[in-house]
C-alpha cells in the first residue's frame, strides 16, 4: 500500500517537474507529457463520446489547449486531474454540439434505412451493447464509471476531476453500476 502511494506521488512530482521545465522553455518536457498521456486521453474521450475519429480530434484539441494554457497552470490540482478535466469538458462540448446538430431535419428515407441496418449490425456485438448501455447513463454516473473502471482512478481523484466530494463520486459510481446492471439485463433478455 505504501509503495503504491509513493508511486503516485512520484508520478505527480514527475508531472510537476515537466510542467516547470516547460514553463522555463523546454519544449521536450511538453512532448514527454503528451507521450505519457496521449493514449489515456484518447481512450477516455472515446469512452465518453463513442466515435474513434472524433475522439482522436478531441484528444489532439485537449493537448493544444493544454499547450496554450500550461503557463497558467498553478498546481492546485495534479497535472493529470487538470488534463482530464480539459478532455472531459471538450468531450461534453462535442456531445452538446452533436445533439444540437441532430435536431436538424432528418435524413432522406433511403439514408435512414441504410443507417438503421448498420446500427442493427453493430448492436449485435456485445461490446457495442455495453458501450450503448454506458452511454445512456446520466452524465455524472457515466463519467464516474469511466474514470473508476477504465482509468482506474481512486474516488478522491474522480471527485477532483468531476468537481465534487469523494462521497458524491462513490454514489455516482454505485448508481452507475446498478443502472448498468439493469440496462444490461434488459438488453440480454430482450433478444
Protein backbone atom coordinates (compact mmCIF):
# COMPACT_ATOMS: atom_id res chain seq x y z
CA UNK A 1 0.00 0.00 0.00
CA UNK A 2 2.83 2.38 0.88
CA UNK A 3 4.64 1.63 -2.38
CA UNK A 4 1.53 2.43 -4.45
CA UNK A 5 1.18 5.76 -2.66
CA UNK A 6 4.86 6.52 -3.27
CA UNK A 7 4.47 5.64 -6.96
CA UNK A 8 1.54 8.07 -7.27
CA UNK A 9 3.49 10.80 -5.52
CA UNK A 10 6.41 10.19 -7.89
CA UNK A 11 4.09 10.47 -10.90
CA UNK A 12 2.64 13.74 -9.58
CA UNK A 13 6.14 15.09 -8.85
CA UNK A 14 7.41 13.99 -12.27
CA UNK A 15 4.49 15.74 -13.95
CA UNK A 16 5.05 18.93 -11.96
CA UNK A 17 8.75 18.86 -12.82
CA UNK A 18 7.91 18.52 -16.51
CA UNK A 19 5.43 21.41 -16.26
CA UNK A 20 8.06 23.61 -14.61
CA UNK A 21 10.64 22.63 -17.26
CA UNK A 22 8.16 23.57 -19.98
CA UNK A 23 7.46 26.91 -18.30
CA UNK A 24 11.21 27.56 -18.40
CA UNK A 25 11.27 26.92 -22.15
CA UNK A 26 11.96 23.18 -22.51
CA UNK A 27 9.65 22.07 -25.33
CA UNK A 28 10.77 18.47 -24.81
CA UNK A 29 9.09 18.48 -21.37
CA UNK A 30 5.71 19.09 -23.00
CA UNK A 31 6.44 16.34 -25.53
CA UNK A 32 7.07 13.95 -22.64
CA UNK A 33 3.72 14.84 -21.09
CA UNK A 34 1.97 14.21 -24.41
CA UNK A 35 3.68 10.85 -24.85
CA UNK A 36 2.82 9.89 -21.29
CA UNK A 37 -0.89 10.77 -21.51
CA UNK A 38 -1.92 10.69 -25.17
CA UNK A 39 -3.38 7.18 -25.24
CA UNK A 40 -5.07 7.59 -21.85
CA UNK A 41 -6.74 10.81 -23.02
CA UNK A 42 -7.76 9.26 -26.34
CA UNK A 43 -9.42 6.29 -24.63
CA UNK A 44 -11.06 8.49 -22.01
CA UNK A 45 -12.60 10.64 -24.74
CA UNK A 46 -13.53 7.58 -26.82
CA UNK A 47 -15.42 6.09 -23.89
CA UNK A 48 -17.31 9.33 -23.38
CA UNK A 49 -18.27 10.07 -27.00
CA UNK A 50 -18.05 6.65 -28.68
CA UNK A 51 -16.51 7.78 -32.00
CA UNK A 52 -12.86 6.93 -32.65
CA UNK A 53 -12.20 9.61 -35.29
CA UNK A 54 -13.78 12.33 -33.20
CA UNK A 55 -12.00 11.03 -30.09
CA UNK A 56 -8.66 11.45 -31.86
CA UNK A 57 -9.57 15.03 -32.80
CA UNK A 58 -10.74 15.88 -29.29
CA UNK A 59 -7.63 14.31 -27.74
CA UNK A 60 -5.50 16.44 -30.04
CA UNK A 61 -7.56 19.52 -29.15
CA UNK A 62 -7.03 18.70 -25.49
CA UNK A 63 -3.26 18.83 -25.87
CA UNK A 64 -3.44 22.00 -27.95
CA UNK A 65 -5.48 23.64 -25.19
CA UNK A 66 -3.06 22.34 -22.55
CA UNK A 67 -0.11 23.71 -24.53
CA UNK A 68 -1.69 27.13 -24.81
CA UNK A 69 -2.64 27.27 -21.13
CA UNK A 70 0.15 25.38 -19.40
CA UNK A 71 1.88 28.59 -18.37
CA UNK A 72 -1.20 29.45 -16.29
CA UNK A 73 -1.31 26.03 -14.57
CA UNK A 74 -0.85 26.75 -10.85
CA UNK A 75 -0.73 23.22 -9.47
CA UNK A 76 -3.87 23.50 -7.32
CA UNK A 77 -4.65 20.01 -8.57
CA UNK A 78 -2.39 17.42 -10.13
CA UNK A 79 -1.49 17.90 -13.78
CA UNK A 80 -3.38 14.68 -14.56
CA UNK A 81 -6.57 16.00 -12.93
CA UNK A 82 -6.28 19.27 -14.84
CA UNK A 83 -5.64 17.40 -18.11
CA UNK A 84 -8.58 15.02 -17.59
CA UNK A 85 -10.90 17.91 -16.76
CA UNK A 86 -9.98 19.64 -20.03
CA UNK A 87 -10.56 16.42 -22.01
CA UNK A 88 -13.90 15.81 -20.32
CA UNK A 89 -15.06 19.39 -20.90
CA UNK A 90 -14.12 19.24 -24.59
CA UNK A 91 -15.97 15.89 -24.85
CA UNK A 92 -19.06 17.38 -23.23
CA UNK A 93 -18.93 20.33 -25.63
CA UNK A 94 -18.70 17.92 -28.56
CA UNK A 95 -21.71 15.94 -27.32
CA UNK A 96 -23.75 19.14 -26.82
CA UNK A 97 -22.95 20.23 -30.35
CA UNK A 98 -23.78 16.78 -31.71
CA UNK A 99 -27.20 16.87 -30.02
CA UNK A 100 -27.81 20.33 -31.45
CA UNK A 101 -26.91 19.13 -34.95
CA UNK A 102 -29.11 16.03 -34.63
CA UNK A 103 -32.09 18.32 -34.17
CA UNK A 104 -31.67 19.39 -37.80
CA UNK A 105 -34.08 17.96 -40.40
CA UNK A 106 -34.00 14.13 -40.71
CA UNK A 107 -32.11 12.30 -43.41
CA UNK A 108 -33.91 11.18 -46.56
CA UNK A 109 -35.73 7.84 -46.13
CA UNK A 110 -33.17 5.74 -48.05
CA UNK A 111 -30.30 7.06 -45.94
CA UNK A 112 -32.24 6.39 -42.74
CA UNK A 113 -32.83 2.77 -43.83
CA UNK A 114 -29.13 2.24 -44.55
CA UNK A 115 -28.19 3.85 -41.27
CA UNK A 116 -30.73 1.67 -39.45
CA UNK A 117 -29.32 -1.54 -40.94
CA UNK A 118 -25.79 -0.57 -40.00
CA UNK A 119 -26.91 0.18 -36.46
CA UNK A 120 -28.61 -3.23 -36.25
CA UNK A 121 -25.40 -4.99 -37.31
CA UNK A 122 -23.33 -3.07 -34.78
CA UNK A 123 -25.89 -3.61 -32.00
CA UNK A 124 -25.40 -7.38 -32.26
CA UNK A 125 -21.91 -7.13 -30.89
CA UNK A 126 -21.71 -7.41 -27.12
CA UNK A 127 -19.12 -4.67 -26.86
CA UNK A 128 -21.38 -2.26 -28.65
CA UNK A 129 -24.26 -3.20 -26.41
CA UNK A 130 -22.19 -2.41 -23.37
CA UNK A 131 -20.98 0.92 -24.79
CA UNK A 132 -24.56 1.82 -25.63
CA UNK A 133 -25.74 0.99 -22.14
CA UNK A 134 -22.92 3.09 -20.66
CA UNK A 135 -23.71 6.00 -22.96
CA UNK A 136 -27.30 6.03 -21.71
CA UNK A 137 -26.27 6.55 -18.11
CA UNK A 138 -26.71 10.03 -16.69
CA UNK A 139 -23.61 12.13 -17.39
CA UNK A 140 -22.12 12.20 -13.87
CA UNK A 141 -22.69 8.45 -13.43
CA UNK A 142 -21.12 7.73 -16.82
CA UNK A 143 -18.07 9.84 -16.03
CA UNK A 144 -17.62 8.28 -12.58
CA UNK A 145 -17.86 4.80 -14.11
CA UNK A 146 -15.39 5.56 -16.92
CA UNK A 147 -12.89 7.18 -14.59
CA UNK A 148 -13.14 4.40 -11.99
CA UNK A 149 -13.19 1.31 -14.24
CA UNK A 150 -11.32 2.28 -17.38
CA UNK A 151 -8.92 4.83 -15.92
CA UNK A 152 -8.64 3.01 -12.55
CA UNK A 153 -8.69 6.26 -10.63
CA UNK A 154 -9.37 6.42 -6.90
CA UNK A 155 -12.57 8.11 -5.77
CA UNK A 156 -10.66 11.09 -4.42
CA UNK A 157 -9.17 11.79 -7.88
CA UNK A 158 -12.56 11.24 -9.53
CA UNK A 159 -14.05 13.79 -7.14
CA UNK A 160 -11.40 16.35 -8.08
CA UNK A 161 -11.90 15.79 -11.80
CA UNK A 162 -15.68 15.99 -11.57
CA UNK A 163 -15.66 18.88 -9.10
CA UNK A 164 -17.42 17.23 -6.17
CA UNK A 165 -16.82 15.30 -2.99
CA UNK A 166 -15.38 11.81 -2.65
CA UNK A 167 -18.73 10.63 -1.29
CA UNK A 168 -20.55 12.00 -4.33
CA UNK A 169 -18.06 10.24 -6.63
CA UNK A 170 -18.79 6.95 -4.83
CA UNK A 171 -22.55 7.50 -5.05
CA UNK A 172 -22.37 8.28 -8.78
CA UNK A 173 -20.27 5.17 -9.37
CA UNK A 174 -22.63 2.99 -7.28
CA UNK A 175 -25.70 4.21 -9.18
CA UNK A 176 -23.88 3.81 -12.50
CA UNK A 177 -23.13 0.15 -11.72
CA UNK A 178 -26.72 -0.53 -10.61
CA UNK A 179 -28.23 1.23 -13.63
CA UNK A 180 -25.81 -0.54 -15.96
CA UNK A 181 -26.80 -3.93 -14.50
CA UNK A 182 -30.47 -3.14 -15.08
CA UNK A 183 -29.85 -1.97 -18.66
CA UNK A 184 -27.64 -4.99 -19.37
CA UNK A 185 -30.35 -7.40 -18.15
CA UNK A 186 -32.91 -5.71 -20.40
CA UNK A 187 -30.57 -5.93 -23.39
CA UNK A 188 -29.79 -9.60 -22.83
CA UNK A 189 -33.35 -10.69 -22.10
CA UNK A 190 -34.82 -8.58 -24.89
CA UNK A 191 -33.22 -10.78 -27.56
